[in-house]
Amino acid sequence: MLLPISPSKADFEARAKVMKALAHPTRLMMIEELSRGERCVCELRDLADCDLSTVSKHLSLLKDVGIVDDEKRGKQVYYRLRVPCVLNFFHCLDSVLTARARLTGR
């Protein structure tokens, strides 16, 4: 979906909602792991070192904004990236952090 040339307030609010969903280290780690392929919720729980309820809440937020999809198979739920282009945003963030480190010497 392409946004209009002049985004509306609602467009900016939708963008902010996606950014808020990304704004947690555990969710960023999960997205990074899902960039390698589909994962069962139990694998993501082990990676995040959190209880299943917490991991499910993180994944629910990511699903609500359209970043991940899920599929139930038997008793397990598997997650995958719905929009792998989110990784382009990660690359942009890394560029910002690199530029900042050069500027500040950190």
PDB file of N, CA and C in Angstrom:
ATOM      1  N   MET A   1       0.845  -1.179   0.000  1.00  0.00           N
ATOM      2  CA  MET A   1       0.000   0.000   0.000  1.00  0.00           C
ATOM      3  C   MET A   1       0.889   1.240   0.000  1.00  0.00           C
ATOM      4  N   LEU A   2       0.703   2.085  -0.965  1.00  0.00           N
ATOM      5  CA  LEU A   2       1.440   3.340  -1.026  1.00  0.00           C
ATOM      6  C   LEU A   2       0.640   4.418  -0.306  1.00  0.00           C
ATOM      7  N   LEU A   3       1.346   5.203   0.461  1.00  0.00           N
ATOM      8  CA  LEU A   3       0.689   6.306   1.166  1.00  0.00           C
ATOM      9  C   LEU A   3       0.551   7.500   0.228  1.00  0.00           C
ATOM     10  N   PRO A   4      -0.424   8.358   0.490  1.00  0.00           N
ATOM     11  CA  PRO A   4      -0.596   9.550  -0.348  1.00  0.00           C
ATOM     12  C   PRO A   4       0.658  10.417  -0.301  1.00  0.00           C
ATOM     13  N   ILE A   5       0.782  11.293  -1.308  1.00  0.00           N
ATOM     14  CA  ILE A   5       1.937  12.185  -1.389  1.00  0.00           C
ATOM     15  C   ILE A   5       2.048  13.032  -0.138  1.00  0.00           C
ATOM     16  N   SER A   6       0.941  13.549   0.342  1.00  0.00           N
ATOM     17  CA  SER A   6       0.932  14.331   1.580  1.00  0.00           C
ATOM     18  C   SER A   6       0.241  13.489   2.655  1.00  0.00           C
ATOM     19  N   PRO A   7       1.036  12.816   3.484  1.00  0.00           N
ATOM     20  CA  PRO A   7       0.423  11.951   4.503  1.00  0.00           C
ATOM     21  C   PRO A   7      -0.477  12.741   5.447  1.00  0.00           C
ATOM     22  N   SER A   8      -1.543  12.099   5.853  1.00  0.00           N
ATOM     23  CA  SER A   8      -2.476  12.715   6.782  1.00  0.00           C
ATOM     24  C   SER A   8      -2.040  12.435   8.216  1.00  0.00           C
ATOM     25  N   LYS A   9      -2.727  13.061   9.144  1.00  0.00           N
ATOM     26  CA  LYS A   9      -2.455  12.810  10.556  1.00  0.00           C
ATOM     27  C   LYS A   9      -2.646  11.324  10.870  1.00  0.00           C
ATOM     28  N   ALA A  10      -3.662  10.712  10.287  1.00  0.00           N
ATOM     29  CA  ALA A  10      -3.920   9.283  10.510  1.00  0.00           C
ATOM     30  C   ALA A  10      -2.758   8.432   9.991  1.00  0.00           C
ATOM     31  N   ASP A  11      -2.159   8.840   8.867  1.00  0.00           N
ATOM     32  CA  ASP A  11      -0.998   8.115   8.332  1.00  0.00           C
ATOM     33  C   ASP A  11       0.174   8.176   9.310  1.00  0.00           C
ATOM     34  N   PHE A  12       0.409   9.362   9.878  1.00  0.00           N
ATOM     35  CA  PHE A  12       1.499   9.503  10.845  1.00  0.00           C
ATOM     36  C   PHE A  12       1.215   8.698  12.115  1.00  0.00           C
ATOM     37  N   GLU A  13      -0.045   8.662  12.516  1.00  0.00           N
ATOM     38  CA  GLU A  13      -0.412   7.886  13.700  1.00  0.00           C
ATOM     39  C   GLU A  13      -0.225   6.394  13.447  1.00  0.00           C
ATOM     40  N   ALA A  14      -0.555   5.934  12.240  1.00  0.00           N
ATOM     41  CA  ALA A  14      -0.354   4.526  11.888  1.00  0.00           C
ATOM     42  C   ALA A  14       1.136   4.183  11.889  1.00  0.00           C
ATOM     43  N   ARG A  15       1.946   5.085  11.364  1.00  0.00           N
ATOM     44  CA  ARG A  15       3.400   4.871  11.376  1.00  0.00           C
ATOM     45  C   ARG A  15       3.925   4.795  12.807  1.00  0.00           C
ATOM     46  N   ALA A  16       3.428   5.689  13.651  1.00  0.00           N
ATOM     47  CA  ALA A  16       3.865   5.705  15.050  1.00  0.00           C
ATOM     48  C   ALA A  16       3.485   4.403  15.756  1.00  0.00           C
ATOM     49  N   LYS A  17       2.336   3.863  15.434  1.00  0.00           N
ATOM     50  CA  LYS A  17       1.909   2.600  16.046  1.00  0.00           C
ATOM     51  C   LYS A  17       2.879   1.478  15.680  1.00  0.00           C
ATOM     52  N   VAL A  18       3.309   1.430  14.430  1.00  0.00           N
ATOM     53  CA  VAL A  18       4.283   0.420  14.006  1.00  0.00           C
ATOM     54  C   VAL A  18       5.612   0.646  14.732  1.00  0.00           C
ATOM     55  N   MET A  19       6.042   1.905  14.810  1.00  0.00           N
ATOM     56  CA  MET A  19       7.301   2.214  15.491  1.00  0.00           C
ATOM     57  C   MET A  19       7.232   1.814  16.964  1.00  0.00           C
ATOM     58  N   LYS A  20       6.101   2.053  17.605  1.00  0.00           N
ATOM     59  CA  LYS A  20       5.946   1.666  19.016  1.00  0.00           C
ATOM     60  C   LYS A  20       6.037   0.152  19.166  1.00  0.00           C
ATOM     61  N   ALA A  21       5.470  -0.581  18.220  1.00  0.00           N
ATOM     62  CA  ALA A  21       5.543  -2.046  18.283  1.00  0.00           C
ATOM     63  C   ALA A  21       6.987  -2.526  18.141  1.00  0.00           C
ATOM     64  N   LEU A  22       7.789  -1.788  17.408  1.00  0.00           N
ATOM     65  CA  LEU A  22       9.195  -2.151  17.231  1.00  0.00           C
ATOM     66  C   LEU A  22      10.065  -1.726  18.410  1.00  0.00           C
ATOM     67  N   ALA A  23       9.562  -0.850  19.242  1.00  0.00           N
ATOM     68  CA  ALA A  23      10.378  -0.191  20.261  1.00  0.00           C
ATOM     69  C   ALA A  23      10.573  -1.022  21.529  1.00  0.00           C
ATOM     70  N   HIS A  24      11.036  -2.243  21.349  1.00  0.00           N
ATOM     71  CA  HIS A  24      11.372  -3.073  22.505  1.00  0.00           C
ATOM     72  C   HIS A  24      12.466  -4.056  22.088  1.00  0.00           C
ATOM     73  N   PRO A  25      13.522  -4.170  22.876  1.00  0.00           N
ATOM     74  CA  PRO A  25      14.635  -5.050  22.500  1.00  0.00           C
ATOM     75  C   PRO A  25      14.226  -6.502  22.236  1.00  0.00           C
ATOM     76  N   THR A  26      13.289  -7.021  23.005  1.00  0.00           N
ATOM     77  CA  THR A  26      12.871  -8.412  22.797  1.00  0.00           C
ATOM     78  C   THR A  26      12.169  -8.570  21.466  1.00  0.00           C
ATOM     79  N   ARG A  27      11.324  -7.608  21.101  1.00  0.00           N
ATOM     80  CA  ARG A  27      10.624  -7.692  19.819  1.00  0.00           C
ATOM     81  C   ARG A  27      11.610  -7.537  18.660  1.00  0.00           C
ATOM     82  N   LEU A  28      12.599  -6.662  18.822  1.00  0.00           N
ATOM     83  CA  LEU A  28      13.622  -6.517  17.781  1.00  0.00           C
ATOM     84  C   LEU A  28      14.396  -7.822  17.612  1.00  0.00           C
ATOM     85  N   MET A  29      14.712  -8.466  18.724  1.00  0.00           N
ATOM     86  CA  MET A  29      15.433  -9.736  18.671  1.00  0.00           C
ATOM     87  C   MET A  29      14.582 -10.804  17.972  1.00  0.00           C
ATOM     88  N   MET A  30      13.291 -10.828  18.261  1.00  0.00           N
ATOM     89  CA  MET A  30      12.402 -11.798  17.618  1.00  0.00           C
ATOM     90  C   MET A  30      12.328 -11.575  16.108  1.00  0.00           C
ATOM     91  N   ILE A  31      12.228 -10.321  15.712  1.00  0.00           N
ATOM     92  CA  ILE A  31      12.177 -10.008  14.279  1.00  0.00           C
ATOM     93  C   ILE A  31      13.466 -10.445  13.604  1.00  0.00           C
ATOM     94  N   GLU A  32      14.580 -10.170  14.250  1.00  0.00           N
ATOM     95  CA  GLU A  32      15.879 -10.598  13.702  1.00  0.00           C
ATOM     96  C   GLU A  32      15.911 -12.116  13.528  1.00  0.00           C
ATOM     97  N   GLU A  33      15.426 -12.846  14.526  1.00  0.00           N
ATOM     98  CA  GLU A  33      15.393 -14.309  14.439  1.00  0.00           C
ATOM     99  C   GLU A  33      14.453 -14.773  13.328  1.00  0.00           C
ATOM    100  N   LEU A  34      13.305 -14.125  13.197  1.00  0.00           N
ATOM    101  CA  LEU A  34      12.355 -14.501  12.150  1.00  0.00           C
ATOM    102  C   LEU A  34      12.881 -14.167  10.754  1.00  0.00           C
ATOM    103  N   SER A  35      13.856 -13.281  10.668  1.00  0.00           N
ATOM    104  CA  SER A  35      14.452 -12.982   9.361  1.00  0.00           C
ATOM    105  C   SER A  35      15.205 -14.204   8.820  1.00  0.00           C
ATOM    106  N   ARG A  36      15.534 -15.136   9.701  1.00  0.00           N
ATOM    107  CA  ARG A  36      16.228 -16.368   9.309  1.00  0.00           C
ATOM    108  C   ARG A  36      15.247 -17.471   8.926  1.00  0.00           C
ATOM    109  N   GLY A  37      13.954 -17.207   9.151  1.00  0.00           N
ATOM    110  CA  GLY A  37      12.929 -18.193   8.804  1.00  0.00           C
ATOM    111  C   GLY A  37      11.897 -18.347   9.894  1.00  0.00           C
ATOM    112  N   GLU A  38      10.900 -19.106   9.575  1.00  0.00           N
ATOM    113  CA  GLU A  38       9.785 -19.350  10.477  1.00  0.00           C
ATOM    114  C   GLU A  38      10.267 -20.000  11.780  1.00  0.00           C
ATOM    115  N   ARG A  39       9.626 -19.606  12.881  1.00  0.00           N
ATOM    116  CA  ARG A  39       9.978 -20.161  14.195  1.00  0.00           C
ATOM    117  C   ARG A  39       8.711 -20.476  14.976  1.00  0.00           C
ATOM    118  N   CYS A  40       8.796 -21.531  15.751  1.00  0.00           N
ATOM    119  CA  CYS A  40       7.712 -21.902  16.666  1.00  0.00           C
ATOM    120  C   CYS A  40       7.794 -20.965  17.866  1.00  0.00           C
ATOM    121  N   VAL A  41       6.657 -20.709  18.485  1.00  0.00           N
ATOM    122  CA  VAL A  41       6.628 -19.802  19.627  1.00  0.00           C
ATOM    123  C   VAL A  41       7.548 -20.310  20.742  1.00  0.00           C
ATOM    124  N   CYS A  42       7.693 -21.622  20.856  1.00  0.00           N
ATOM    125  CA  CYS A  42       8.577 -22.172  21.904  1.00  0.00           C
ATOM    126  C   CYS A  42      10.036 -21.803  21.637  1.00  0.00           C
ATOM    127  N   GLU A  43      10.441 -21.754  20.361  1.00  0.00           N
ATOM    128  CA  GLU A  43      11.815 -21.343  20.034  1.00  0.00           C
ATOM    129  C   GLU A  43      12.032 -19.868  20.382  1.00  0.00           C
ATOM    130  N   LEU A  44      11.035 -19.050  20.096  1.00  0.00           N
ATOM    131  CA  LEU A  44      11.143 -17.626  20.408  1.00  0.00           C
ATOM    132  C   LEU A  44      11.140 -17.404  21.920  1.00  0.00           C
ATOM    133  N   ARG A  45      10.386 -18.218  22.639  1.00  0.00           N
ATOM    134  CA  ARG A  45      10.388 -18.134  24.108  1.00  0.00           C
ATOM    135  C   ARG A  45      11.787 -18.441  24.646  1.00  0.00           C
ATOM    136  N   ASP A  46      12.402 -19.491  24.127  1.00  0.00           N
ATOM    137  CA  ASP A  46      13.744 -19.853  24.586  1.00  0.00           C
ATOM    138  C   ASP A  46      14.754 -18.760  24.248  1.00  0.00           C
ATOM    139  N   LEU A  47      14.643 -18.187  23.059  1.00  0.00           N
ATOM    140  CA  LEU A  47      15.546 -17.119  22.627  1.00  0.00           C
ATOM    141  C   LEU A  47      15.402 -15.890  23.517  1.00  0.00           C
ATOM    142  N   ALA A  48      14.154 -15.528  23.818  1.00  0.00           N
ATOM    143  CA  ALA A  48      13.890 -14.325  24.604  1.00  0.00           C
ATOM    144  C   ALA A  48      14.116 -14.542  26.094  1.00  0.00           C
ATOM    145  N   ASP A  49      14.176 -15.794  26.488  1.00  0.00           N
ATOM    146  CA  ASP A  49      14.350 -16.139  27.901  1.00  0.00           C
ATOM    147  C   ASP A  49      13.259 -15.477  28.753  1.00  0.00           C
ATOM    148  N   CYS A  50      12.026 -15.574  28.255  1.00  0.00           N
ATOM    149  CA  CYS A  50      10.851 -15.023  28.940  1.00  0.00           C
ATOM    150  C   CYS A  50       9.811 -16.130  29.060  1.00  0.00           C
ATOM    151  N   ASP A  51       8.808 -15.895  29.882  1.00  0.00           N
ATOM    152  CA  ASP A  51       7.730 -16.881  29.969  1.00  0.00           C
ATOM    153  C   ASP A  51       6.861 -16.784  28.718  1.00  0.00           C
ATOM    154  N   LEU A  52       6.101 -17.824  28.469  1.00  0.00           N
ATOM    155  CA  LEU A  52       5.290 -17.917  27.263  1.00  0.00           C
ATOM    156  C   LEU A  52       4.281 -16.774  27.153  1.00  0.00           C
ATOM    157  N   SER A  53       3.716 -16.359  28.258  1.00  0.00           N
ATOM    158  CA  SER A  53       2.741 -15.273  28.257  1.00  0.00           C
ATOM    159  C   SER A  53       3.363 -13.969  27.747  1.00  0.00           C
ATOM    160  N   THR A  54       4.567 -13.659  28.209  1.00  0.00           N
ATOM    161  CA  THR A  54       5.252 -12.432  27.786  1.00  0.00           C
ATOM    162  C   THR A  54       5.593 -12.487  26.306  1.00  0.00           C
ATOM    163  N   VAL A  55       6.113 -13.626  25.862  1.00  0.00           N
ATOM    164  CA  VAL A  55       6.457 -13.786  24.448  1.00  0.00           C
ATOM    165  C   VAL A  55       5.209 -13.652  23.592  1.00  0.00           C
ATOM    166  N   SER A  56       4.113 -14.242  24.025  1.00  0.00           N
ATOM    167  CA  SER A  56       2.855 -14.148  23.275  1.00  0.00           C
ATOM    168  C   SER A  56       2.372 -12.713  23.163  1.00  0.00           C
ATOM    169  N   LYS A  57       2.529 -11.933  24.217  1.00  0.00           N
ATOM    170  CA  LYS A  57       2.136 -10.515  24.171  1.00  0.00           C
ATOM    171  C   LYS A  57       2.991  -9.745  23.171  1.00  0.00           C
ATOM    172  N   HIS A  58       4.302 -10.001  23.182  1.00  0.00           N
ATOM    173  CA  HIS A  58       5.189  -9.352  22.214  1.00  0.00           C
ATOM    174  C   HIS A  58       4.771  -9.704  20.787  1.00  0.00           C
ATOM    175  N   LEU A  59       4.539 -10.983  20.548  1.00  0.00           N
ATOM    176  CA  LEU A  59       4.170 -11.432  19.202  1.00  0.00           C
ATOM    177  C   LEU A  59       2.809 -10.895  18.784  1.00  0.00           C
ATOM    178  N   SER A  60       1.901 -10.778  19.723  1.00  0.00           N
ATOM    179  CA  SER A  60       0.584 -10.225  19.425  1.00  0.00           C
ATOM    180  C   SER A  60       0.688  -8.771  18.962  1.00  0.00           C
ATOM    181  N   LEU A  61       1.540  -7.995  19.628  1.00  0.00           N
ATOM    182  CA  LEU A  61       1.756  -6.602  19.207  1.00  0.00           C
ATOM    183  C   LEU A  61       2.306  -6.538  17.782  1.00  0.00           C
ATOM    184  N   LEU A  62       3.282  -7.393  17.496  1.00  0.00           N
ATOM    185  CA  LEU A  62       3.881  -7.409  16.158  1.00  0.00           C
ATOM    186  C   LEU A  62       2.869  -7.861  15.102  1.00  0.00           C
ATOM    187  N   LYS A  63       2.024  -8.794  15.477  1.00  0.00           N
ATOM    188  CA  LYS A  63       0.988  -9.265  14.552  1.00  0.00           C
ATOM    189  C   LYS A  63      -0.059  -8.181  14.312  1.00  0.00           C
ATOM    190  N   ASP A  64      -0.463  -7.486  15.365  1.00  0.00           N
ATOM    191  CA  ASP A  64      -1.487  -6.445  15.250  1.00  0.00           C
ATOM    192  C   ASP A  64      -1.093  -5.331  14.286  1.00  0.00           C
ATOM    193  N   VAL A  65       0.201  -5.016  14.209  1.00  0.00           N
ATOM    194  CA  VAL A  65       0.631  -3.947  13.298  1.00  0.00           C
ATOM    195  C   VAL A  65       1.041  -4.486  11.932  1.00  0.00           C
ATOM    196  N   GLY A  66       0.956  -5.809  11.745  1.00  0.00           N
ATOM    197  CA  GLY A  66       1.191  -6.380  10.427  1.00  0.00           C
ATOM    198  C   GLY A  66       2.620  -6.784  10.130  1.00  0.00           C
ATOM    199  N   ILE A  67       3.459  -6.897  11.143  1.00  0.00           N
ATOM    200  CA  ILE A  67       4.860  -7.263  10.899  1.00  0.00           C
ATOM    201  C   ILE A  67       5.037  -8.772  10.804  1.00  0.00           C
ATOM    202  N   VAL A  68       4.272  -9.528  11.601  1.00  0.00           N
ATOM    203  CA  VAL A  68       4.391 -10.993  11.567  1.00  0.00           C
ATOM    204  C   VAL A  68       3.031 -11.627  11.303  1.00  0.00           C
ATOM    205  N   ASP A  69       3.082 -12.858  10.821  1.00  0.00           N
ATOM    206  CA  ASP A  69       1.909 -13.719  10.660  1.00  0.00           C
ATOM    207  C   ASP A  69       2.126 -14.949  11.517  1.00  0.00           C
ATOM    208  N   ASP A  70       1.043 -15.610  11.850  1.00  0.00           N
ATOM    209  CA  ASP A  70       1.176 -16.860  12.591  1.00  0.00           C
ATOM    210  C   ASP A  70       0.329 -17.943  11.950  1.00  0.00           C
ATOM    211  N   GLU A  71       0.663 -19.186  12.300  1.00  0.00           N
ATOM    212  CA  GLU A  71      -0.083 -20.335  11.810  1.00  0.00           C
ATOM    213  C   GLU A  71      -0.056 -21.404  12.896  1.00  0.00           C
ATOM    214  N   LYS A  72      -1.211 -21.866  13.273  1.00  0.00           N
ATOM    215  CA  LYS A  72      -1.294 -22.903  14.298  1.00  0.00           C
ATOM    216  C   LYS A  72      -1.191 -24.263  13.620  1.00  0.00           C
ATOM    217  N   ARG A  73      -0.294 -25.090  14.152  1.00  0.00           N
ATOM    218  CA  ARG A  73      -0.129 -26.467  13.668  1.00  0.00           C
ATOM    219  C   ARG A  73      -0.158 -27.379  14.879  1.00  0.00           C
ATOM    220  N   GLY A  74      -1.262 -28.053  15.028  1.00  0.00           N
ATOM    221  CA  GLY A  74      -1.426 -28.883  16.222  1.00  0.00           C
ATOM    222  C   GLY A  74      -1.481 -27.989  17.441  1.00  0.00           C
ATOM    223  N   LYS A  75      -0.599 -28.268  18.403  1.00  0.00           N
ATOM    224  CA  LYS A  75      -0.561 -27.470  19.627  1.00  0.00           C
ATOM    225  C   LYS A  75       0.422 -26.314  19.536  1.00  0.00           C
ATOM    226  N   GLN A  76       1.195 -26.251  18.469  1.00  0.00           N
ATOM    227  CA  GLN A  76       2.217 -25.212  18.330  1.00  0.00           C
ATOM    228  C   GLN A  76       1.749 -24.095  17.403  1.00  0.00           C
ATOM    229  N   VAL A  77       2.265 -22.903  17.667  1.00  0.00           N
ATOM    230  CA  VAL A  77       2.011 -21.751  16.794  1.00  0.00           C
ATOM    231  C   VAL A  77       3.352 -21.342  16.202  1.00  0.00           C
ATOM    232  N   TYR A  78       3.370 -21.172  14.885  1.00  0.00           N
ATOM    233  CA  TYR A  78       4.584 -20.781  14.176  1.00  0.00           C
ATOM    234  C   TYR A  78       4.428 -19.359  13.663  1.00  0.00           C
ATOM    235  N   TYR A  79       5.516 -18.602  13.737  1.00  0.00           N
ATOM    236  CA  TYR A  79       5.523 -17.201  13.307  1.00  0.00           C
ATOM    237  C   TYR A  79       6.510 -17.012  12.168  1.00  0.00           C
ATOM    238  N   ARG A  80       6.203 -16.066  11.310  1.00  0.00           N
ATOM    239  CA  ARG A  80       7.082 -15.688  10.205  1.00  0.00           C
ATOM    240  C   ARG A  80       6.896 -14.197   9.938  1.00  0.00           C
ATOM    241  N   LEU A  81       7.889 -13.600   9.323  1.00  0.00           N
ATOM    242  CA  LEU A  81       7.757 -12.190   8.956  1.00  0.00           C
ATOM    243  C   LEU A  81       6.739 -12.055   7.839  1.00  0.00           C
ATOM    244  N   ARG A  82       5.826 -11.147   8.003  1.00  0.00           N
ATOM    245  CA  ARG A  82       4.856 -10.856   6.947  1.00  0.00           C
ATOM    246  C   ARG A  82       5.481  -9.884   5.952  1.00  0.00           C
ATOM    247  N   VAL A  83       6.259  -8.947   6.472  1.00  0.00           N
ATOM    248  CA  VAL A  83       6.886  -7.925   5.629  1.00  0.00           C
ATOM    249  C   VAL A  83       8.398  -7.887   5.912  1.00  0.00           C
ATOM    250  N   PRO A  84       9.158  -8.702   5.192  1.00  0.00           N
ATOM    251  CA  PRO A  84      10.607  -8.727   5.420  1.00  0.00           C
ATOM    252  C   PRO A  84      11.284  -7.372   5.187  1.00  0.00           C
ATOM    253  N   CYS A  85      10.594  -6.443   4.536  1.00  0.00           N
ATOM    254  CA  CYS A  85      11.185  -5.125   4.306  1.00  0.00           C
ATOM    255  C   CYS A  85      11.451  -4.390   5.614  1.00  0.00           C
ATOM    256  N   VAL A  86      10.880  -4.860   6.724  1.00  0.00           N
ATOM    257  CA  VAL A  86      11.175  -4.251   8.023  1.00  0.00           C
ATOM    258  C   VAL A  86      12.676  -4.333   8.305  1.00  0.00           C
ATOM    259  N   LEU A  87      13.336  -5.305   7.705  1.00  0.00           N
ATOM    260  CA  LEU A  87      14.787  -5.439   7.885  1.00  0.00           C
ATOM    261  C   LEU A  87      15.537  -4.269   7.254  1.00  0.00           C
ATOM    262  N   ASN A  88      14.950  -3.654   6.211  1.00  0.00           N
ATOM    263  CA  ASN A  88      15.551  -2.445   5.635  1.00  0.00           C
ATOM    264  C   ASN A  88      15.599  -1.341   6.680  1.00  0.00           C
ATOM    265  N   PHE A  89      14.556  -1.269   7.499  1.00  0.00           N
ATOM    266  CA  PHE A  89      14.520  -0.285   8.577  1.00  0.00           C
ATOM    267  C   PHE A  89      15.634  -0.572   9.576  1.00  0.00           C
ATOM    268  N   PHE A  90      15.882  -1.852   9.859  1.00  0.00           N
ATOM    269  CA  PHE A  90      16.979  -2.227  10.756  1.00  0.00           C
ATOM    270  C   PHE A  90      18.311  -1.737  10.202  1.00  0.00           C
ATOM    271  N   HIS A  91      18.501  -1.891   8.893  1.00  0.00           N
ATOM    272  CA  HIS A  91      19.744  -1.424   8.270  1.00  0.00           C
ATOM    273  C   HIS A  91      19.874   0.089   8.402  1.00  0.00           C
ATOM    274  N   CYS A  92      18.763   0.785   8.245  1.00  0.00           N
ATOM    275  CA  CYS A  92      18.774   2.235   8.407  1.00  0.00           C
ATOM    276  C   CYS A  92      19.138   2.605   9.843  1.00  0.00           C
ATOM    277  N   LEU A  93      18.557   1.921  10.815  1.00  0.00           N
ATOM    278  CA  LEU A  93      18.897   2.177  12.220  1.00  0.00           C
ATOM    279  C   LEU A  93      20.378   1.948  12.485  1.00  0.00           C
ATOM    280  N   ASP A  94      20.915   0.871  11.917  1.00  0.00           N
ATOM    281  CA  ASP A  94      22.343   0.588  12.088  1.00  0.00           C
ATOM    282  C   ASP A  94      23.197   1.709  11.501  1.00  0.00           C
ATOM    283  N   SER A  95      22.760   2.272  10.373  1.00  0.00           N
ATOM    284  CA  SER A  95      23.490   3.393   9.770  1.00  0.00           C
ATOM    285  C   SER A  95      23.459   4.621  10.672  1.00  0.00           C
ATOM    286  N   VAL A  96      22.313   4.869  11.279  1.00  0.00           N
ATOM    287  CA  VAL A  96      22.195   5.998  12.207  1.00  0.00           C
ATOM    288  C   VAL A  96      23.134   5.788  13.393  1.00  0.00           C
ATOM    289  N   LEU A  97      23.145   4.587  13.948  1.00  0.00           N
ATOM    290  CA  LEU A  97      23.999   4.291  15.099  1.00  0.00           C
ATOM    291  C   LEU A  97      25.480   4.397  14.744  1.00  0.00           C
ATOM    292  N   THR A  98      25.855   3.949  13.551  1.00  0.00           N
ATOM    293  CA  THR A  98      27.238   4.054  13.097  1.00  0.00           C
ATOM    294  C   THR A  98      27.653   5.500  12.935  1.00  0.00           C
ATOM    295  N   ALA A  99      26.772   6.296  12.309  1.00  0.00           N
ATOM    296  CA  ALA A  99      27.068   7.716  12.120  1.00  0.00           C
ATOM    297  C   ALA A  99      27.183   8.425  13.452  1.00  0.00           C
ATOM    298  N   ARG A 100      26.321   8.102  14.391  1.00  0.00           N
ATOM    299  CA  ARG A 100      26.383   8.706  15.710  1.00  0.00           C
ATOM    300  C   ARG A 100      27.678   8.340  16.421  1.00  0.00           C
ATOM    301  N   ALA A 101      28.074   7.086  16.294  1.00  0.00           N
ATOM    302  CA  ALA A 101      29.313   6.625  16.944  1.00  0.00           C
ATOM    303  C   ALA A 101      30.518   7.362  16.360  1.00  0.00           C
ATOM    304  N   ARG A 102      30.529   7.592  15.066  1.00  0.00           N
ATOM    305  CA  ARG A 102      31.628   8.334  14.441  1.00  0.00           C
ATOM    306  C   ARG A 102      31.672   9.765  14.952  1.00  0.00           C
ATOM    307  N   LEU A 103      30.501  10.356  15.100  1.00  0.00           N
ATOM    308  CA  LEU A 103      30.411  11.751  15.540  1.00  0.00           C
ATOM    309  C   LEU A 103      30.817  11.904  17.004  1.00  0.00           C
ATOM    310  N   THR A 104      30.365  10.963  17.826  1.00  0.00           N
ATOM    311  CA  THR A 104      30.620  11.085  19.256  1.00  0.00           C
ATOM    312  C   THR A 104      31.861  10.345  19.715  1.00  0.00           C
ATOM    313  N   GLY A 105      32.429   9.526  18.826  1.00  0.00           N
ATOM    314  CA  GLY A 105      33.614   8.763  19.193  1.00  0.00           C
ATOM    315  C   GLY A 105      33.291   7.559  20.068  1.00  0.00           C
ATOM    316  N   ARG A 106      32.036   7.124  20.081  1.00  0.00           N
ATOM    317  CA  ARG A 106      31.636   5.951  20.882  1.00  0.00           C
ATOM    318  C   ARG A 106      31.369   4.773  20.025  1.00  0.00           C
TER     319      ARG A 106
END
